[in-house]
Amino acid sequence: MSLTLVRHTSVGLPSGICYGQTDAPLAETYPEEWAEAVRRLGDLGRFTKVYSSPLTRCLSFARKYFGAVETDARLMELDFGAFEGLSWQEIFERADGKRWFDNYLDCPTPGGESYAQMTARVRSFYEDKIAGKEGDILLVTHSGVLRAFLIILQGYTPGEAMDAEIGYGEVLTFDL
């Protein structure tokens, strides 16, 4: 069995904006980025099940090719709460932003969640939907979730996972 994860394509927001669980629009480059990600995925017919975050930037990608997609909110990006829609610079300049940056693993964002909480919900998804199942499974999701899978399946430390470069349309495959 294999588990393949693909990060959504670029979003149509200015660079440097925190958008987490905001349902951001797709970038104008979506058709080209989608085609490149599909090329990276290879034989799409091998997937026996496709799961997606319910956010448009993931679900549009998944449905464009697969049609029958199961959504699961546990595949959503980190909930940045009150930080969503702010620039990363604005967040860093706030007292609660500095507190969060100093301990993002355990400190939830105001009205949101910590990275540890997000990783726990991703682990819950994995245990419910993936562990012990047969076939090749595809997840269309977000960079934070891909990083959580590096922790869960590859034993990365949170710091190592955060340092991993994960671009738009990135594809990771794990043999389980």
C-alpha atoms as a PDB file:
ATOM      1  CA  MET A   1       0.000   0.000   0.000  1.00  0.00           C
ATOM      2  CA  SER A   2       1.140   3.534  -0.664  1.00  0.00           C
ATOM      3  CA  LEU A   3      -0.020   6.869   0.623  1.00  0.00           C
ATOM      4  CA  THR A   4       0.524   9.814  -1.699  1.00  0.00           C
ATOM      5  CA  LEU A   5       0.018  13.384  -0.595  1.00  0.00           C
ATOM      6  CA  VAL A   6      -0.155  16.395  -2.874  1.00  0.00           C
ATOM      7  CA  ARG A   7      -0.148  19.994  -1.724  1.00  0.00           C
ATOM      8  CA  HIS A   8      -2.651  22.294  -3.388  1.00  0.00           C
ATOM      9  CA  THR A   9      -1.541  24.723  -6.089  1.00  0.00           C
ATOM     10  CA  SER A  10      -0.870  28.441  -5.535  1.00  0.00           C
ATOM     11  CA  VAL A  11      -3.541  30.686  -4.121  1.00  0.00           C
ATOM     12  CA  GLY A  12      -4.752  34.008  -5.461  1.00  0.00           C
ATOM     13  CA  LEU A  13      -3.663  36.072  -2.455  1.00  0.00           C
ATOM     14  CA  PRO A  14      -0.748  38.468  -2.064  1.00  0.00           C
ATOM     15  CA  SER A  15       2.499  36.861  -0.955  1.00  0.00           C
ATOM     16  CA  GLY A  16       3.154  36.941   2.779  1.00  0.00           C
ATOM     17  CA  ILE A  17      -0.469  36.624   3.913  1.00  0.00           C
ATOM     18  CA  CYS A  18      -1.426  34.025   6.533  1.00  0.00           C
ATOM     19  CA  TYR A  19      -4.450  32.154   5.152  1.00  0.00           C
ATOM     20  CA  GLY A  20      -4.554  28.762   6.971  1.00  0.00           C
ATOM     21  CA  GLN A  21      -8.202  27.684   6.979  1.00  0.00           C
ATOM     22  CA  THR A  22      -9.412  30.684   4.973  1.00  0.00           C
ATOM     23  CA  ASP A  23     -11.010  29.446   1.756  1.00  0.00           C
ATOM     24  CA  ALA A  24      -8.547  31.301  -0.458  1.00  0.00           C
ATOM     25  CA  PRO A  25      -9.155  31.518  -4.216  1.00  0.00           C
ATOM     26  CA  LEU A  26      -6.975  29.678  -6.707  1.00  0.00           C
ATOM     27  CA  ALA A  27      -4.212  31.579  -8.506  1.00  0.00           C
ATOM     28  CA  GLU A  28      -4.515  32.361 -12.206  1.00  0.00           C
ATOM     29  CA  THR A  29      -1.707  29.854 -12.795  1.00  0.00           C
ATOM     30  CA  TYR A  30      -3.930  27.007 -11.516  1.00  0.00           C
ATOM     31  CA  PRO A  31      -4.342  25.163 -14.876  1.00  0.00           C
ATOM     32  CA  GLU A  32      -0.577  24.964 -15.474  1.00  0.00           C
ATOM     33  CA  GLU A  33       0.221  24.088 -11.859  1.00  0.00           C
ATOM     34  CA  TRP A  34      -2.502  21.416 -11.806  1.00  0.00           C
ATOM     35  CA  ALA A  35      -1.096  19.824 -14.985  1.00  0.00           C
ATOM     36  CA  GLU A  36       2.426  19.780 -13.514  1.00  0.00           C
ATOM     37  CA  ALA A  37       1.233  18.190 -10.260  1.00  0.00           C
ATOM     38  CA  VAL A  38      -0.717  15.553 -12.206  1.00  0.00           C
ATOM     39  CA  ARG A  39       2.447  14.810 -14.205  1.00  0.00           C
ATOM     40  CA  ARG A  40       4.338  14.321 -10.903  1.00  0.00           C
ATOM     41  CA  LEU A  41       1.618  12.003  -9.603  1.00  0.00           C
ATOM     42  CA  GLY A  42       2.060   9.628 -12.539  1.00  0.00           C
ATOM     43  CA  ASP A  43      -0.511   6.843 -12.968  1.00  0.00           C
ATOM     44  CA  LEU A  44      -3.605   8.402 -11.423  1.00  0.00           C
ATOM     45  CA  GLY A  45      -5.613   5.251 -12.076  1.00  0.00           C
ATOM     46  CA  ARG A  46      -3.721   3.435  -9.330  1.00  0.00           C
ATOM     47  CA  PHE A  47      -5.493   5.323  -6.541  1.00  0.00           C
ATOM     48  CA  THR A  48      -8.260   3.318  -4.918  1.00  0.00           C
ATOM     49  CA  LYS A  49      -9.368   6.155  -2.641  1.00  0.00           C
ATOM     50  CA  VAL A  50      -8.981   9.931  -2.736  1.00  0.00           C
ATOM     51  CA  TYR A  51      -9.395  12.197   0.293  1.00  0.00           C
ATOM     52  CA  SER A  52      -9.263  15.963   0.282  1.00  0.00           C
ATOM     53  CA  SER A  53      -9.371  18.917   2.594  1.00  0.00           C
ATOM     54  CA  PRO A  54     -12.774  20.574   2.077  1.00  0.00           C
ATOM     55  CA  LEU A  55     -11.135  23.909   1.209  1.00  0.00           C
ATOM     56  CA  THR A  56     -11.529  24.966  -2.438  1.00  0.00           C
ATOM     57  CA  ARG A  57      -7.802  25.066  -3.155  1.00  0.00           C
ATOM     58  CA  CYS A  58      -7.631  21.309  -2.446  1.00  0.00           C
ATOM     59  CA  LEU A  59     -11.082  20.103  -3.421  1.00  0.00           C
ATOM     60  CA  SER A  60     -10.985  21.762  -6.866  1.00  0.00           C
ATOM     61  CA  PHE A  61      -7.714  19.982  -7.565  1.00  0.00           C
ATOM     62  CA  ALA A  62      -9.026  16.599  -6.399  1.00  0.00           C
ATOM     63  CA  ARG A  63     -12.366  16.798  -8.202  1.00  0.00           C
ATOM     64  CA  LYS A  64     -10.845  18.023 -11.471  1.00  0.00           C
ATOM     65  CA  TYR A  65      -9.438  14.588 -12.076  1.00  0.00           C
ATOM     66  CA  PHE A  66     -11.092  12.170  -9.695  1.00  0.00           C
ATOM     67  CA  GLY A  67     -14.693  13.315  -9.268  1.00  0.00           C
ATOM     68  CA  ALA A  68     -15.481  10.934  -6.392  1.00  0.00           C
ATOM     69  CA  VAL A  69     -13.586  12.480  -3.507  1.00  0.00           C
ATOM     70  CA  GLU A  70     -14.196  12.151   0.219  1.00  0.00           C
ATOM     71  CA  THR A  71     -13.549  15.325   2.187  1.00  0.00           C
ATOM     72  CA  ASP A  72     -12.346  15.356   5.763  1.00  0.00           C
ATOM     73  CA  ALA A  73     -11.882  18.487   7.868  1.00  0.00           C
ATOM     74  CA  ARG A  74      -8.939  16.846   9.651  1.00  0.00           C
ATOM     75  CA  LEU A  75      -6.964  17.422   6.435  1.00  0.00           C
ATOM     76  CA  MET A  76      -7.358  21.207   6.692  1.00  0.00           C
ATOM     77  CA  GLU A  77      -4.404  23.489   7.262  1.00  0.00           C
ATOM     78  CA  LEU A  78      -3.511  24.796  10.712  1.00  0.00           C
ATOM     79  CA  ASP A  79      -6.258  27.003  12.133  1.00  0.00           C
ATOM     80  CA  PHE A  80      -4.493  30.341  12.570  1.00  0.00           C
ATOM     81  CA  GLY A  81      -7.591  31.876  14.202  1.00  0.00           C
ATOM     82  CA  ALA A  82      -7.270  35.654  14.636  1.00  0.00           C
ATOM     83  CA  PHE A  83      -4.072  35.663  12.559  1.00  0.00           C
ATOM     84  CA  GLU A  84      -5.810  34.624   9.325  1.00  0.00           C
ATOM     85  CA  GLY A  85      -5.748  37.377   6.726  1.00  0.00           C
ATOM     86  CA  LEU A  86      -2.871  39.229   8.402  1.00  0.00           C
ATOM     87  CA  SER A  87       0.615  39.461   6.966  1.00  0.00           C
ATOM     88  CA  TRP A  88       3.284  37.371   8.666  1.00  0.00           C
ATOM     89  CA  GLN A  89       5.033  40.638   9.547  1.00  0.00           C
ATOM     90  CA  GLU A  90       1.877  41.958  11.273  1.00  0.00           C
ATOM     91  CA  ILE A  91       1.591  38.723  13.232  1.00  0.00           C
ATOM     92  CA  PHE A  92       5.220  38.840  14.309  1.00  0.00           C
ATOM     93  CA  GLU A  93       4.843  42.438  15.531  1.00  0.00           C
ATOM     94  CA  ARG A  94       1.920  41.558  17.845  1.00  0.00           C
ATOM     95  CA  ALA A  95       2.578  40.419  21.425  1.00  0.00           C
ATOM     96  CA  ASP A  96       0.399  37.317  20.932  1.00  0.00           C
ATOM     97  CA  GLY A  97       2.179  36.706  17.627  1.00  0.00           C
ATOM     98  CA  LYS A  98       5.596  36.810  19.277  1.00  0.00           C
ATOM     99  CA  ARG A  99       4.327  34.393  21.943  1.00  0.00           C
ATOM    100  CA  TRP A 100       3.069  32.031  19.258  1.00  0.00           C
ATOM    101  CA  PHE A 101       6.249  32.248  17.145  1.00  0.00           C
ATOM    102  CA  ASP A 102       8.276  31.425  20.280  1.00  0.00           C
ATOM    103  CA  ASN A 103       6.278  28.232  20.920  1.00  0.00           C
ATOM    104  CA  TYR A 104       4.110  27.393  17.889  1.00  0.00           C
ATOM    105  CA  LEU A 105       4.274  23.683  18.735  1.00  0.00           C
ATOM    106  CA  ASP A 106       2.301  23.978  21.963  1.00  0.00           C
ATOM    107  CA  CYS A 107       0.879  27.516  21.949  1.00  0.00           C
ATOM    108  CA  PRO A 108      -2.393  27.840  20.032  1.00  0.00           C
ATOM    109  CA  THR A 109      -2.982  30.916  17.940  1.00  0.00           C
ATOM    110  CA  PRO A 110      -5.693  33.225  19.372  1.00  0.00           C
ATOM    111  CA  GLY A 111      -8.943  31.481  18.481  1.00  0.00           C
ATOM    112  CA  GLY A 112      -7.035  28.782  16.601  1.00  0.00           C
ATOM    113  CA  GLU A 113      -4.805  25.808  17.332  1.00  0.00           C
ATOM    114  CA  SER A 114      -1.204  24.846  18.010  1.00  0.00           C
ATOM    115  CA  TYR A 115       0.906  22.754  15.675  1.00  0.00           C
ATOM    116  CA  ALA A 116       0.697  19.864  18.168  1.00  0.00           C
ATOM    117  CA  GLN A 117      -3.119  20.047  18.051  1.00  0.00           C
ATOM    118  CA  MET A 118      -3.089  20.001  14.244  1.00  0.00           C
ATOM    119  CA  THR A 119      -0.693  17.038  14.219  1.00  0.00           C
ATOM    120  CA  ALA A 120      -3.007  15.182  16.621  1.00  0.00           C
ATOM    121  CA  ARG A 121      -6.003  15.666  14.311  1.00  0.00           C
ATOM    122  CA  VAL A 122      -3.936  14.526  11.313  1.00  0.00           C
ATOM    123  CA  ARG A 123      -2.859  11.449  13.308  1.00  0.00           C
ATOM    124  CA  SER A 124      -6.553  10.792  14.094  1.00  0.00           C
ATOM    125  CA  PHE A 125      -7.349  10.928  10.367  1.00  0.00           C
ATOM    126  CA  TYR A 126      -4.475   8.550   9.596  1.00  0.00           C
ATOM    127  CA  GLU A 127      -5.581   6.039  12.224  1.00  0.00           C
ATOM    128  CA  ASP A 128      -9.249   6.195  11.126  1.00  0.00           C
ATOM    129  CA  LYS A 129      -8.864   6.217   7.350  1.00  0.00           C
ATOM    130  CA  ILE A 130      -5.410   4.967   6.338  1.00  0.00           C
ATOM    131  CA  ALA A 131      -3.748   2.625   8.844  1.00  0.00           C
ATOM    132  CA  GLY A 132      -4.315  -1.018   7.985  1.00  0.00           C
ATOM    133  CA  LYS A 133      -6.160  -0.268   4.722  1.00  0.00           C
ATOM    134  CA  GLU A 134      -5.362  -1.794   1.338  1.00  0.00           C
ATOM    135  CA  GLY A 135      -4.685  -0.052  -1.963  1.00  0.00           C
ATOM    136  CA  ASP A 136      -3.038   3.192  -2.964  1.00  0.00           C
ATOM    137  CA  ILE A 137      -4.528   6.294  -1.363  1.00  0.00           C
ATOM    138  CA  LEU A 138      -4.201   9.930  -2.398  1.00  0.00           C
ATOM    139  CA  LEU A 139      -4.628  12.933  -0.112  1.00  0.00           C
ATOM    140  CA  VAL A 140      -4.967  16.467  -1.486  1.00  0.00           C
ATOM    141  CA  THR A 141      -4.100  18.783   1.351  1.00  0.00           C
ATOM    142  CA  HIS A 142      -1.870  21.563   2.721  1.00  0.00           C
ATOM    143  CA  SER A 143       1.794  22.030   3.603  1.00  0.00           C
ATOM    144  CA  GLY A 144       1.155  21.896   7.363  1.00  0.00           C
ATOM    145  CA  VAL A 145      -0.586  18.534   6.959  1.00  0.00           C
ATOM    146  CA  LEU A 146       2.219  17.199   4.748  1.00  0.00           C
ATOM    147  CA  ARG A 147       4.671  18.222   7.481  1.00  0.00           C
ATOM    148  CA  ALA A 148       2.527  16.442  10.088  1.00  0.00           C
ATOM    149  CA  PHE A 149       2.762  13.262   7.989  1.00  0.00           C
ATOM    150  CA  LEU A 150       6.562  13.616   7.942  1.00  0.00           C
ATOM    151  CA  ILE A 151       6.391  13.528  11.746  1.00  0.00           C
ATOM    152  CA  ILE A 152       3.846  10.686  11.925  1.00  0.00           C
ATOM    153  CA  LEU A 153       5.262   8.405   9.214  1.00  0.00           C
ATOM    154  CA  GLN A 154       8.937   9.329   8.937  1.00  0.00           C
ATOM    155  CA  GLY A 155       9.824  10.194  12.535  1.00  0.00           C
ATOM    156  CA  TYR A 156      10.830  13.772  11.744  1.00  0.00           C
ATOM    157  CA  THR A 157      11.051  16.112  14.689  1.00  0.00           C
ATOM    158  CA  PRO A 158       8.691  19.085  14.430  1.00  0.00           C
ATOM    159  CA  GLY A 159      11.693  21.316  13.708  1.00  0.00           C
ATOM    160  CA  GLU A 160      12.872  19.045  10.881  1.00  0.00           C
ATOM    161  CA  ALA A 161       9.365  18.934   9.444  1.00  0.00           C
ATOM    162  CA  MET A 162       9.082  22.741   9.548  1.00  0.00           C
ATOM    163  CA  ASP A 163      12.437  23.039   7.755  1.00  0.00           C
ATOM    164  CA  ALA A 164      11.333  20.734   4.925  1.00  0.00           C
ATOM    165  CA  GLU A 165      10.656  22.643   1.718  1.00  0.00           C
ATOM    166  CA  ILE A 166       7.180  21.821   0.438  1.00  0.00           C
ATOM    167  CA  GLY A 167       6.188  23.766  -2.649  1.00  0.00           C
ATOM    168  CA  TYR A 168       2.778  24.237  -4.229  1.00  0.00           C
ATOM    169  CA  GLY A 169       1.813  21.064  -6.092  1.00  0.00           C
ATOM    170  CA  GLU A 170       4.489  19.080  -4.197  1.00  0.00           C
ATOM    171  CA  VAL A 171       3.968  15.300  -4.183  1.00  0.00           C
ATOM    172  CA  LEU A 172       5.161  12.998  -1.390  1.00  0.00           C
ATOM    173  CA  THR A 173       4.671   9.219  -1.459  1.00  0.00           C
ATOM    174  CA  PHE A 174       5.062   6.857   1.487  1.00  0.00           C
ATOM    175  CA  ASP A 175       5.170   3.070   1.173  1.00  0.00           C
ATOM    176  CA  LEU A 176       3.235   1.728   4.142  1.00  0.00           C
END
